[in-house]
């Protein structure tokens, strides 16, 4: 399915679940592009009663290796991406229902960006092992709490976790912090870093968090 931004740019989305769901979730893929596990998580969220919009910020491209993935991520035009995120949120929030955003790695940073772009609509955000926003003024604009999930094997852990927690506290925002003894990308079954136990535990944390924040 295609949506069109206000400035006329077409982009693809994958819509899961009924239009009359009481709440919605915007999903953002990792640096590889949209993969099967993203659709799998979307289906799980639909089973919880949400409508899910999986956005494709790479215009259908899929990276074949880490080098390509890095190039695609670095080549992203954030202004265009912001326009797509706003359009996706506007589409998903029909009848002003509450939304959450969720993303993995590159997608986690974009999920946070989406939450900052429309804090009146986005009431919760789930971030998986991503680059964290630590600007207190920005974080103070969030419309709800954040579930921050970290991979302990990352070179930047625990420093980025501590900086984000401190910034969220200074901004007067709530953050739920969860860490796993796993590698970056542990949710992706196609990755050599996949950790089934950590992925299952992270899903349970996500499920519980969203049930609390999207209770309608």
N, C-alpha and C. Protein backbone atom coordinates (compact mmCIF):
# COMPACT_ATOMS: atom_id res chain seq x y z
N UNK A 1 0.85 -1.19 0.00
CA UNK A 1 0.00 0.00 0.00
C UNK A 1 0.88 1.24 0.00
N UNK A 2 0.48 2.24 -0.78
CA UNK A 2 1.27 3.47 -0.87
C UNK A 2 0.55 4.61 -0.15
N UNK A 3 1.34 5.43 0.54
CA UNK A 3 0.88 6.70 1.06
C UNK A 3 1.66 7.80 0.36
N UNK A 4 1.13 9.02 0.45
CA UNK A 4 1.79 10.16 -0.19
C UNK A 4 1.98 11.25 0.85
N UNK A 5 3.19 11.75 0.96
CA UNK A 5 3.47 12.84 1.89
C UNK A 5 2.85 14.14 1.38
N UNK A 6 2.83 15.15 2.25
CA UNK A 6 2.24 16.43 1.88
C UNK A 6 2.95 17.07 0.70
N UNK A 7 4.24 16.73 0.52
CA UNK A 7 4.97 17.29 -0.62
C UNK A 7 5.05 16.32 -1.80
N UNK A 8 4.17 15.32 -1.81
CA UNK A 8 3.97 14.50 -3.01
C UNK A 8 4.90 13.31 -3.17
N UNK A 9 5.54 12.86 -2.10
CA UNK A 9 6.45 11.71 -2.18
C UNK A 9 5.69 10.44 -1.80
N UNK A 10 5.67 9.48 -2.70
CA UNK A 10 5.03 8.19 -2.42
C UNK A 10 5.98 7.31 -1.61
N UNK A 11 5.41 6.54 -0.67
CA UNK A 11 6.20 5.57 0.06
C UNK A 11 5.30 4.40 0.46
N UNK A 12 5.95 3.27 0.71
CA UNK A 12 5.19 2.04 0.97
C UNK A 12 5.00 1.80 2.46
N UNK A 13 3.79 1.32 2.78
CA UNK A 13 3.51 0.85 4.13
C UNK A 13 2.87 -0.52 4.03
N UNK A 14 2.93 -1.25 5.14
CA UNK A 14 2.27 -2.55 5.24
C UNK A 14 1.32 -2.45 6.43
N UNK A 15 0.04 -2.55 6.16
CA UNK A 15 -0.97 -2.37 7.19
C UNK A 15 -1.45 -3.73 7.68
N UNK A 16 -1.39 -3.92 8.98
CA UNK A 16 -1.83 -5.17 9.62
C UNK A 16 -2.95 -4.84 10.60
N UNK A 17 -4.02 -5.62 10.58
CA UNK A 17 -5.06 -5.48 11.59
C UNK A 17 -6.21 -4.59 11.15
N UNK A 18 -7.28 -4.60 11.93
CA UNK A 18 -8.52 -3.93 11.54
C UNK A 18 -8.47 -2.42 11.72
N UNK A 19 -9.23 -1.72 10.88
CA UNK A 19 -9.29 -0.27 10.97
C UNK A 19 -9.95 0.21 12.25
N UNK A 20 -10.80 -0.62 12.84
CA UNK A 20 -11.53 -0.18 14.04
C UNK A 20 -10.82 -0.53 15.34
N UNK A 21 -9.55 -0.92 15.27
CA UNK A 21 -8.79 -1.18 16.50
C UNK A 21 -8.74 0.08 17.35
N UNK A 22 -8.76 -0.09 18.65
CA UNK A 22 -8.84 1.07 19.56
C UNK A 22 -7.52 1.81 19.69
N UNK A 23 -6.42 1.17 19.30
CA UNK A 23 -5.10 1.80 19.38
C UNK A 23 -4.24 1.28 18.23
N UNK A 24 -3.17 1.99 17.95
CA UNK A 24 -2.32 1.60 16.83
C UNK A 24 -0.85 1.61 17.22
N UNK A 25 -0.05 0.91 16.42
CA UNK A 25 1.40 0.87 16.63
C UNK A 25 2.09 1.11 15.30
N UNK A 26 3.02 2.03 15.29
CA UNK A 26 3.87 2.29 14.13
C UNK A 26 5.18 1.55 14.32
N UNK A 27 5.50 0.65 13.39
CA UNK A 27 6.74 -0.12 13.44
C UNK A 27 7.73 0.41 12.42
N UNK A 28 9.01 0.45 12.81
CA UNK A 28 10.07 0.89 11.90
C UNK A 28 11.17 -0.17 11.87
N UNK A 29 11.51 -0.61 10.69
CA UNK A 29 12.49 -1.67 10.45
C UNK A 29 13.91 -1.25 10.85
N UNK A 30 14.81 -2.22 10.91
CA UNK A 30 16.21 -1.93 11.21
C UNK A 30 16.95 -1.54 9.92
N UNK A 31 18.28 -1.50 9.98
CA UNK A 31 19.05 -0.97 8.85
C UNK A 31 19.05 -1.89 7.63
N UNK A 32 18.54 -3.11 7.75
CA UNK A 32 18.48 -4.01 6.60
C UNK A 32 17.31 -3.69 5.67
N UNK A 33 16.32 -2.96 6.16
CA UNK A 33 15.07 -2.79 5.44
C UNK A 33 14.01 -3.70 6.03
N UNK A 34 12.83 -3.70 5.46
CA UNK A 34 11.72 -4.50 5.98
C UNK A 34 12.02 -5.99 5.81
N UNK A 35 11.94 -6.73 6.92
CA UNK A 35 12.22 -8.16 6.91
C UNK A 35 11.02 -8.94 7.46
N UNK A 36 11.08 -10.25 7.32
CA UNK A 36 9.97 -11.09 7.76
C UNK A 36 9.66 -10.92 9.24
N UNK A 37 10.69 -10.76 10.07
CA UNK A 37 10.42 -10.68 11.50
C UNK A 37 9.64 -9.43 11.86
N UNK A 38 9.78 -8.36 11.05
CA UNK A 38 8.98 -7.16 11.28
C UNK A 38 7.49 -7.46 11.10
N UNK A 39 7.17 -8.23 10.06
CA UNK A 39 5.78 -8.63 9.84
C UNK A 39 5.30 -9.57 10.94
N UNK A 40 6.20 -10.43 11.41
CA UNK A 40 5.83 -11.34 12.49
C UNK A 40 5.46 -10.58 13.76
N UNK A 41 6.25 -9.58 14.08
CA UNK A 41 5.93 -8.77 15.26
C UNK A 41 4.64 -8.00 15.04
N UNK A 42 4.43 -7.53 13.81
CA UNK A 42 3.17 -6.83 13.52
C UNK A 42 1.98 -7.75 13.77
N UNK A 43 2.07 -9.00 13.33
CA UNK A 43 0.97 -9.95 13.55
C UNK A 43 0.76 -10.21 15.04
N UNK A 44 1.82 -10.28 15.80
CA UNK A 44 1.68 -10.46 17.26
C UNK A 44 0.94 -9.28 17.89
N UNK A 45 1.27 -8.09 17.43
CA UNK A 45 0.62 -6.89 17.96
C UNK A 45 -0.85 -6.83 17.55
N UNK A 46 -1.15 -7.28 16.35
CA UNK A 46 -2.55 -7.35 15.92
C UNK A 46 -3.32 -8.29 16.83
N UNK A 47 -2.70 -9.40 17.22
CA UNK A 47 -3.35 -10.36 18.12
C UNK A 47 -3.63 -9.73 19.48
N UNK A 48 -2.92 -8.69 19.83
CA UNK A 48 -3.18 -7.97 21.08
C UNK A 48 -4.32 -6.97 20.93
N UNK A 49 -4.78 -6.75 19.71
CA UNK A 49 -5.91 -5.86 19.49
C UNK A 49 -5.58 -4.54 18.84
N UNK A 50 -4.35 -4.38 18.32
CA UNK A 50 -3.93 -3.13 17.72
C UNK A 50 -3.95 -3.21 16.19
N UNK A 51 -4.07 -2.06 15.56
CA UNK A 51 -3.74 -1.98 14.14
C UNK A 51 -2.29 -1.54 14.04
N UNK A 52 -1.57 -2.15 13.12
CA UNK A 52 -0.12 -1.91 13.02
C UNK A 52 0.22 -1.42 11.63
N UNK A 53 0.99 -0.35 11.58
CA UNK A 53 1.51 0.17 10.32
C UNK A 53 3.02 -0.01 10.33
N UNK A 54 3.49 -0.87 9.44
CA UNK A 54 4.93 -1.08 9.25
C UNK A 54 5.37 -0.20 8.09
N UNK A 55 6.20 0.79 8.39
CA UNK A 55 6.63 1.75 7.37
C UNK A 55 7.94 1.31 6.74
N UNK A 56 8.08 1.56 5.44
CA UNK A 56 9.32 1.26 4.72
C UNK A 56 10.01 2.57 4.39
N UNK A 57 11.06 2.90 5.13
CA UNK A 57 11.79 4.15 4.89
C UNK A 57 12.86 4.00 3.81
N UNK A 58 13.03 2.78 3.30
CA UNK A 58 14.04 2.53 2.28
C UNK A 58 13.45 2.37 0.87
N UNK A 59 12.18 2.66 0.72
CA UNK A 59 11.54 2.61 -0.60
C UNK A 59 11.74 1.26 -1.28
N UNK A 60 11.55 0.18 -0.53
CA UNK A 60 11.60 -1.16 -1.09
C UNK A 60 12.97 -1.78 -1.17
N UNK A 61 14.00 -1.04 -0.86
CA UNK A 61 15.36 -1.60 -0.93
C UNK A 61 15.64 -2.48 0.29
N UNK A 62 16.43 -3.54 0.06
CA UNK A 62 16.85 -4.43 1.13
C UNK A 62 18.37 -4.59 1.02
N UNK A 63 19.05 -4.43 2.12
CA UNK A 63 20.51 -4.57 2.11
C UNK A 63 20.89 -6.04 2.03
N UNK A 64 21.94 -6.34 1.25
CA UNK A 64 22.42 -7.71 1.13
C UNK A 64 23.56 -8.01 2.09
N UNK A 65 24.17 -6.98 2.63
CA UNK A 65 25.26 -7.17 3.58
C UNK A 65 25.35 -5.92 4.46
N UNK A 66 26.20 -6.00 5.48
CA UNK A 66 26.30 -4.91 6.43
C UNK A 66 26.81 -3.62 5.79
N UNK A 67 27.68 -3.76 4.80
CA UNK A 67 28.20 -2.57 4.14
C UNK A 67 27.07 -1.82 3.43
N UNK A 68 26.23 -2.56 2.71
CA UNK A 68 25.10 -1.93 2.04
C UNK A 68 24.13 -1.33 3.05
N UNK A 69 23.89 -2.06 4.13
CA UNK A 69 22.97 -1.56 5.15
C UNK A 69 23.47 -0.24 5.72
N UNK A 70 24.77 -0.16 5.99
CA UNK A 70 25.33 1.08 6.51
C UNK A 70 25.20 2.23 5.53
N UNK A 71 25.43 1.94 4.26
CA UNK A 71 25.31 2.98 3.23
C UNK A 71 23.87 3.47 3.12
N UNK A 72 22.92 2.54 3.18
CA UNK A 72 21.51 2.92 3.08
C UNK A 72 21.09 3.76 4.28
N UNK A 73 21.55 3.37 5.44
CA UNK A 73 21.20 4.12 6.65
C UNK A 73 21.79 5.54 6.60
N UNK A 74 23.07 5.61 6.24
CA UNK A 74 23.72 6.93 6.20
C UNK A 74 23.17 7.79 5.08
N UNK A 75 22.64 7.17 4.03
CA UNK A 75 22.11 7.92 2.90
C UNK A 75 20.69 8.41 3.09
N UNK A 76 20.08 8.07 4.21
CA UNK A 76 18.70 8.48 4.45
C UNK A 76 18.60 10.00 4.57
N UNK A 77 17.66 10.58 3.87
CA UNK A 77 17.35 12.00 3.99
C UNK A 77 16.36 12.15 5.15
N UNK A 78 16.80 12.67 6.28
CA UNK A 78 15.94 12.71 7.46
C UNK A 78 14.74 13.63 7.27
N UNK A 79 14.89 14.67 6.48
CA UNK A 79 13.76 15.56 6.22
C UNK A 79 12.66 14.80 5.50
N UNK A 80 13.04 14.01 4.51
CA UNK A 80 12.06 13.19 3.79
C UNK A 80 11.50 12.12 4.72
N UNK A 81 12.36 11.50 5.51
CA UNK A 81 11.90 10.48 6.45
C UNK A 81 10.90 11.07 7.44
N UNK A 82 11.17 12.27 7.93
CA UNK A 82 10.24 12.91 8.86
C UNK A 82 8.87 13.10 8.20
N UNK A 83 8.87 13.51 6.95
CA UNK A 83 7.62 13.70 6.23
C UNK A 83 6.85 12.39 6.11
N UNK A 84 7.57 11.30 5.87
CA UNK A 84 6.93 9.99 5.78
C UNK A 84 6.39 9.56 7.14
N UNK A 85 7.16 9.78 8.19
CA UNK A 85 6.72 9.41 9.53
C UNK A 85 5.46 10.17 9.93
N UNK A 86 5.43 11.47 9.66
CA UNK A 86 4.26 12.29 9.98
C UNK A 86 3.04 11.79 9.22
N UNK A 87 3.23 11.50 7.93
CA UNK A 87 2.12 11.01 7.11
C UNK A 87 1.60 9.68 7.63
N UNK A 88 2.52 8.79 8.02
CA UNK A 88 2.12 7.49 8.55
C UNK A 88 1.34 7.64 9.85
N UNK A 89 1.81 8.51 10.73
CA UNK A 89 1.10 8.74 11.99
C UNK A 89 -0.29 9.31 11.73
N UNK A 90 -0.38 10.29 10.84
CA UNK A 90 -1.68 10.89 10.52
C UNK A 90 -2.65 9.84 9.99
N UNK A 91 -2.15 8.92 9.19
CA UNK A 91 -2.99 7.85 8.65
C UNK A 91 -3.42 6.88 9.75
N UNK A 92 -2.51 6.55 10.64
CA UNK A 92 -2.78 5.52 11.64
C UNK A 92 -3.63 6.01 12.80
N UNK A 93 -3.60 7.31 13.06
CA UNK A 93 -4.27 7.82 14.27
C UNK A 93 -5.73 8.16 14.02
N UNK A 94 -6.34 7.61 13.01
CA UNK A 94 -7.74 7.91 12.71
C UNK A 94 -8.59 7.87 13.98
N UNK A 95 -9.55 8.81 14.04
CA UNK A 95 -10.41 8.97 15.23
C UNK A 95 -9.61 9.31 16.47
N UNK A 96 -8.40 9.85 16.26
CA UNK A 96 -7.56 10.32 17.37
C UNK A 96 -7.23 9.23 18.39
N UNK A 97 -7.17 7.99 17.93
CA UNK A 97 -6.83 6.91 18.85
C UNK A 97 -5.35 7.01 19.26
N UNK A 98 -5.00 6.50 20.43
CA UNK A 98 -3.60 6.58 20.87
C UNK A 98 -2.71 5.65 20.07
N UNK A 99 -1.45 6.06 19.93
CA UNK A 99 -0.47 5.28 19.19
C UNK A 99 0.78 5.05 20.03
N UNK A 100 1.46 3.96 19.70
CA UNK A 100 2.82 3.72 20.18
C UNK A 100 3.72 3.59 18.96
N UNK A 101 5.00 3.85 19.15
CA UNK A 101 5.97 3.60 18.09
C UNK A 101 6.98 2.58 18.60
N UNK A 102 7.50 1.78 17.68
CA UNK A 102 8.45 0.73 18.04
C UNK A 102 9.43 0.54 16.90
N UNK A 103 10.71 0.41 17.24
CA UNK A 103 11.70 0.19 16.20
C UNK A 103 12.93 -0.49 16.73
N UNK A 104 13.66 -1.10 15.79
CA UNK A 104 14.87 -1.85 16.10
C UNK A 104 16.07 -1.15 15.50
N UNK A 105 17.09 -0.89 16.31
CA UNK A 105 18.35 -0.30 15.84
C UNK A 105 18.07 1.01 15.09
N UNK A 106 18.44 1.11 13.82
CA UNK A 106 18.09 2.29 13.01
C UNK A 106 16.63 2.66 13.21
N UNK A 107 15.76 1.66 13.21
CA UNK A 107 14.33 1.91 13.37
C UNK A 107 13.95 2.42 14.74
N UNK A 108 14.74 2.07 15.76
CA UNK A 108 14.48 2.61 17.08
C UNK A 108 14.68 4.11 17.11
N UNK A 109 15.74 4.57 16.49
CA UNK A 109 15.98 6.01 16.42
C UNK A 109 14.85 6.70 15.66
N UNK A 110 14.36 6.06 14.60
CA UNK A 110 13.26 6.64 13.84
C UNK A 110 11.94 6.57 14.61
N UNK A 111 11.77 5.54 15.41
CA UNK A 111 10.57 5.44 16.26
C UNK A 111 10.55 6.57 17.28
N UNK A 112 11.72 6.90 17.84
CA UNK A 112 11.81 8.04 18.75
C UNK A 112 11.53 9.34 18.01
N UNK A 113 12.05 9.45 16.80
CA UNK A 113 11.80 10.65 16.01
C UNK A 113 10.31 10.83 15.77
N UNK A 114 9.62 9.74 15.44
CA UNK A 114 8.19 9.81 15.22
C UNK A 114 7.46 10.27 16.48
N UNK A 115 7.88 9.75 17.63
CA UNK A 115 7.26 10.15 18.89
C UNK A 115 7.46 11.63 19.17
N UNK A 116 8.61 12.17 18.80
CA UNK A 116 8.88 13.58 19.00
C UNK A 116 8.15 14.46 18.00
N UNK A 117 7.85 13.91 16.82
CA UNK A 117 7.16 14.68 15.80
C UNK A 117 5.68 14.89 16.14
N UNK A 118 5.08 13.96 16.87
CA UNK A 118 3.66 14.08 17.23
C UNK A 118 3.44 13.57 18.65
N UNK A 119 3.93 14.31 19.64
CA UNK A 119 3.81 13.84 21.03
C UNK A 119 2.39 13.82 21.56
N UNK A 120 1.48 14.53 20.92
CA UNK A 120 0.10 14.49 21.38
C UNK A 120 -0.57 13.16 21.03
N UNK A 121 -0.08 12.51 20.00
CA UNK A 121 -0.67 11.25 19.55
C UNK A 121 0.08 10.05 20.07
N UNK A 122 1.41 10.11 20.05
CA UNK A 122 2.25 8.97 20.46
C UNK A 122 2.41 8.97 21.96
N UNK A 123 1.81 7.98 22.62
CA UNK A 123 1.79 7.95 24.08
C UNK A 123 2.79 6.96 24.66
N UNK A 124 3.49 6.22 23.81
CA UNK A 124 4.48 5.25 24.29
C UNK A 124 5.44 4.92 23.15
N UNK A 125 6.68 4.60 23.52
CA UNK A 125 7.71 4.29 22.54
C UNK A 125 8.55 3.12 23.03
N UNK A 126 8.84 2.19 22.11
CA UNK A 126 9.68 1.04 22.43
C UNK A 126 10.92 1.09 21.54
N UNK A 127 12.08 1.09 22.17
CA UNK A 127 13.35 1.23 21.47
C UNK A 127 14.21 0.00 21.70
N UNK A 128 14.65 -0.62 20.61
CA UNK A 128 15.55 -1.76 20.70
C UNK A 128 16.95 -1.35 20.25
N UNK A 129 17.92 -1.49 21.14
CA UNK A 129 19.36 -1.33 20.87
C UNK A 129 19.66 -0.31 19.77
N UNK A 130 19.27 0.94 20.05
CA UNK A 130 19.44 1.99 19.03
C UNK A 130 20.26 3.15 19.57
N UNK A 131 20.56 4.07 18.69
CA UNK A 131 21.20 5.32 19.11
C UNK A 131 20.17 6.16 19.86
N UNK A 132 20.53 6.63 21.04
CA UNK A 132 19.56 7.28 21.92
C UNK A 132 19.61 8.80 21.81
N UNK A 133 18.46 9.42 21.89
CA UNK A 133 18.36 10.87 21.99
C UNK A 133 18.62 11.26 23.44
N UNK A 134 19.52 12.19 23.67
CA UNK A 134 19.84 12.61 25.04
C UNK A 134 19.63 14.10 25.27
N UNK A 135 19.05 14.79 24.28
CA UNK A 135 18.76 16.20 24.44
C UNK A 135 17.55 16.36 25.37
N UNK A 136 17.76 16.98 26.51
CA UNK A 136 16.70 17.07 27.52
C UNK A 136 15.51 17.87 27.01
N UNK A 137 15.77 18.94 26.28
CA UNK A 137 14.67 19.75 25.76
C UNK A 137 13.79 18.94 24.81
N UNK A 138 14.43 18.13 23.96
CA UNK A 138 13.66 17.29 23.06
C UNK A 138 12.86 16.24 23.84
N UNK A 139 13.52 15.56 24.75
CA UNK A 139 12.86 14.49 25.49
C UNK A 139 11.71 15.01 26.34
N UNK A 140 11.80 16.25 26.78
CA UNK A 140 10.73 16.82 27.60
C UNK A 140 9.43 16.96 26.81
N UNK A 141 9.51 16.87 25.49
CA UNK A 141 8.32 17.01 24.65
C UNK A 141 7.58 15.68 24.45
N UNK A 142 8.17 14.57 24.86
CA UNK A 142 7.54 13.28 24.65
C UNK A 142 6.16 13.22 25.29
N UNK A 143 5.27 12.48 24.65
CA UNK A 143 3.91 12.36 25.15
C UNK A 143 3.67 11.17 26.04
N UNK A 144 4.71 10.41 26.36
CA UNK A 144 4.54 9.24 27.21
C UNK A 144 5.85 8.53 27.45
N UNK A 145 5.81 7.45 28.20
CA UNK A 145 7.03 6.74 28.61
C UNK A 145 7.71 5.98 27.48
N UNK A 146 8.93 5.56 27.77
CA UNK A 146 9.75 4.82 26.81
C UNK A 146 10.17 3.50 27.45
N UNK A 147 10.05 2.43 26.69
CA UNK A 147 10.67 1.15 27.04
C UNK A 147 11.96 1.06 26.25
N UNK A 148 13.09 1.07 26.95
CA UNK A 148 14.41 1.03 26.30
C UNK A 148 15.04 -0.34 26.54
N UNK A 149 15.28 -1.07 25.45
CA UNK A 149 15.81 -2.42 25.52
C UNK A 149 17.23 -2.42 24.95
N UNK A 150 18.18 -2.92 25.73
CA UNK A 150 19.58 -2.85 25.36
C UNK A 150 20.19 -4.24 25.23
N UNK A 151 21.22 -4.31 24.38
CA UNK A 151 22.04 -5.52 24.23
C UNK A 151 23.36 -5.28 24.95
N UNK A 152 23.65 -6.08 25.96
CA UNK A 152 24.80 -5.83 26.81
C UNK A 152 26.14 -6.04 26.10
N UNK A 153 26.13 -6.75 24.97
CA UNK A 153 27.39 -6.98 24.25
C UNK A 153 27.79 -5.81 23.38
N UNK A 154 26.93 -4.80 23.26
CA UNK A 154 27.27 -3.63 22.46
C UNK A 154 28.44 -2.87 23.09
N UNK A 155 29.30 -2.36 22.25
CA UNK A 155 30.45 -1.59 22.73
C UNK A 155 30.01 -0.36 23.51
N UNK A 156 28.87 0.22 23.15
CA UNK A 156 28.41 1.46 23.76
C UNK A 156 27.61 1.25 25.04
N UNK A 157 27.37 -0.02 25.40
CA UNK A 157 26.65 -0.30 26.65
C UNK A 157 27.67 -0.51 27.77
N UNK A 158 27.45 0.00 28.97
CA UNK A 158 26.21 0.61 29.47
C UNK A 158 26.18 2.13 29.39
N UNK A 159 27.19 2.75 28.76
CA UNK A 159 27.28 4.20 28.77
C UNK A 159 26.03 4.85 28.17
N UNK A 160 25.58 4.34 27.02
CA UNK A 160 24.44 5.00 26.38
C UNK A 160 23.17 4.81 27.21
N UNK A 161 23.06 3.68 27.88
CA UNK A 161 21.92 3.44 28.75
C UNK A 161 21.89 4.46 29.89
N UNK A 162 23.04 4.67 30.51
CA UNK A 162 23.11 5.59 31.63
C UNK A 162 22.84 7.03 31.19
N UNK A 163 23.39 7.42 30.03
CA UNK A 163 23.16 8.78 29.54
C UNK A 163 21.69 9.01 29.22
N UNK A 164 21.05 8.00 28.60
CA UNK A 164 19.64 8.16 28.26
C UNK A 164 18.78 8.22 29.52
N UNK A 165 19.04 7.35 30.46
CA UNK A 165 18.26 7.34 31.71
C UNK A 165 18.39 8.67 32.44
N UNK A 166 19.61 9.22 32.47
CA UNK A 166 19.83 10.51 33.13
C UNK A 166 19.09 11.63 32.39
N UNK A 167 19.13 11.60 31.06
CA UNK A 167 18.46 12.64 30.27
C UNK A 167 16.94 12.54 30.43
N UNK A 168 16.41 11.32 30.44
CA UNK A 168 14.97 11.16 30.63
C UNK A 168 14.55 11.65 32.02
N UNK A 169 15.35 11.38 33.03
CA UNK A 169 15.04 11.86 34.38
C UNK A 169 15.05 13.38 34.43
N UNK A 170 16.06 13.99 33.81
CA UNK A 170 16.15 15.44 33.78
C UNK A 170 14.99 16.07 33.03
N UNK A 171 14.45 15.31 32.05
CA UNK A 171 13.32 15.80 31.26
C UNK A 171 11.98 15.54 31.94
N UNK A 172 12.01 14.87 33.08
CA UNK A 172 10.77 14.56 33.77
C UNK A 172 9.96 13.46 33.11
N UNK A 173 10.65 12.57 32.40
CA UNK A 173 9.99 11.50 31.67
C UNK A 173 10.28 10.14 32.29
N UNK A 174 9.35 9.22 32.05
CA UNK A 174 9.50 7.87 32.59
C UNK A 174 10.17 6.96 31.56
N UNK A 175 11.13 6.16 32.01
CA UNK A 175 11.75 5.17 31.13
C UNK A 175 11.81 3.84 31.87
N UNK A 176 11.44 2.79 31.18
CA UNK A 176 11.57 1.43 31.67
C UNK A 176 12.78 0.83 30.97
N UNK A 177 13.78 0.41 31.72
CA UNK A 177 15.03 -0.06 31.15
C UNK A 177 15.16 -1.57 31.32
N UNK A 178 15.46 -2.26 30.21
CA UNK A 178 15.65 -3.70 30.24
C UNK A 178 16.93 -4.01 29.47
N UNK A 179 17.77 -4.88 30.01
CA UNK A 179 18.99 -5.27 29.32
C UNK A 179 19.06 -6.79 29.23
N UNK A 180 19.71 -7.26 28.15
CA UNK A 180 19.89 -8.70 27.94
C UNK A 180 21.34 -9.00 27.61
N UNK A 181 21.80 -10.14 28.07
CA UNK A 181 23.14 -10.59 27.72
C UNK A 181 23.08 -11.16 26.31
N UNK A 182 23.12 -10.25 25.35
CA UNK A 182 22.93 -10.62 23.95
C UNK A 182 23.60 -9.56 23.08
N UNK A 183 23.67 -9.86 21.78
CA UNK A 183 24.30 -8.95 20.83
C UNK A 183 23.28 -8.04 20.17
N UNK A 184 23.76 -6.93 19.65
CA UNK A 184 22.94 -6.03 18.85
C UNK A 184 22.29 -6.83 17.71
N UNK A 185 20.98 -6.67 17.57
CA UNK A 185 20.27 -7.41 16.53
C UNK A 185 19.72 -8.74 16.98
N UNK A 186 19.64 -8.96 18.29
CA UNK A 186 19.29 -10.29 18.79
C UNK A 186 17.86 -10.72 18.48
N UNK A 187 17.01 -9.80 18.04
CA UNK A 187 15.62 -10.15 17.75
C UNK A 187 15.46 -10.74 16.35
N UNK A 188 16.39 -10.48 15.45
CA UNK A 188 16.28 -10.87 14.05
C UNK A 188 16.69 -12.33 13.85
N UNK A 189 15.74 -13.23 13.54
CA UNK A 189 16.08 -14.65 13.39
C UNK A 189 17.05 -14.94 12.25
N UNK A 190 17.17 -14.04 11.28
CA UNK A 190 18.07 -14.25 10.16
C UNK A 190 19.50 -13.84 10.48
N UNK A 191 19.70 -13.24 11.63
CA UNK A 191 21.03 -12.76 12.00
C UNK A 191 21.78 -13.83 12.77
N UNK A 192 23.09 -13.86 12.59
CA UNK A 192 23.92 -14.77 13.39
C UNK A 192 23.94 -14.35 14.85
N UNK A 193 23.47 -13.16 15.13
CA UNK A 193 23.40 -12.66 16.50
C UNK A 193 22.06 -12.97 17.17
N UNK A 194 21.19 -13.66 16.48
CA UNK A 194 19.87 -13.97 17.02
C UNK A 194 19.99 -14.73 18.33
N UNK A 195 19.19 -14.30 19.29
CA UNK A 195 19.14 -14.95 20.60
C UNK A 195 17.68 -15.22 20.91
N UNK A 196 17.26 -16.46 20.78
CA UNK A 196 15.84 -16.80 20.91
C UNK A 196 15.31 -16.48 22.30
N UNK A 197 16.09 -16.79 23.32
CA UNK A 197 15.63 -16.55 24.68
C UNK A 197 15.47 -15.05 24.95
N UNK A 198 16.45 -14.26 24.54
CA UNK A 198 16.37 -12.81 24.75
C UNK A 198 15.23 -12.21 23.93
N UNK A 199 15.04 -12.71 22.71
CA UNK A 199 13.96 -12.21 21.87
C UNK A 199 12.60 -12.48 22.50
N UNK A 200 12.42 -13.69 23.02
CA UNK A 200 11.15 -14.03 23.66
C UNK A 200 10.91 -13.18 24.91
N UNK A 201 11.97 -12.98 25.68
CA UNK A 201 11.84 -12.16 26.89
C UNK A 201 11.53 -10.70 26.53
N UNK A 202 12.17 -10.21 25.48
CA UNK A 202 11.94 -8.83 25.05
C UNK A 202 10.50 -8.66 24.54
N UNK A 203 10.00 -9.66 23.84
CA UNK A 203 8.60 -9.60 23.40
C UNK A 203 7.67 -9.51 24.61
N UNK A 204 7.92 -10.30 25.63
CA UNK A 204 7.07 -10.27 26.82
C UNK A 204 7.10 -8.90 27.48
N UNK A 205 8.29 -8.30 27.56
CA UNK A 205 8.41 -6.95 28.11
C UNK A 205 7.62 -5.95 27.27
N UNK A 206 7.76 -6.08 25.96
CA UNK A 206 7.05 -5.18 25.05
C UNK A 206 5.54 -5.33 25.20
N UNK A 207 5.09 -6.56 25.24
CA UNK A 207 3.65 -6.84 25.39
C UNK A 207 3.10 -6.21 26.66
N UNK A 208 3.78 -6.42 27.77
CA UNK A 208 3.31 -5.89 29.05
C UNK A 208 3.31 -4.36 29.05
N UNK A 209 4.37 -3.78 28.50
CA UNK A 209 4.48 -2.32 28.45
C UNK A 209 3.36 -1.71 27.62
N UNK A 210 3.10 -2.28 26.44
CA UNK A 210 2.07 -1.71 25.58
C UNK A 210 0.68 -1.93 26.16
N UNK A 211 0.45 -3.04 26.81
CA UNK A 211 -0.86 -3.23 27.44
C UNK A 211 -1.12 -2.15 28.49
N UNK A 212 -0.10 -1.78 29.22
CA UNK A 212 -0.25 -0.73 30.22
C UNK A 212 -0.47 0.64 29.59
N UNK A 213 0.31 0.94 28.54
CA UNK A 213 0.29 2.29 27.99
C UNK A 213 -0.83 2.52 26.98
N UNK A 214 -1.29 1.48 26.33
CA UNK A 214 -2.35 1.62 25.32
C UNK A 214 -3.68 1.09 25.82
N UNK A 215 -3.82 0.98 27.13
CA UNK A 215 -5.09 0.50 27.70
C UNK A 215 -6.20 1.48 27.31
N UNK A 216 -7.20 0.93 26.64
CA UNK A 216 -8.30 1.79 26.17
C UNK A 216 -9.63 1.13 26.51
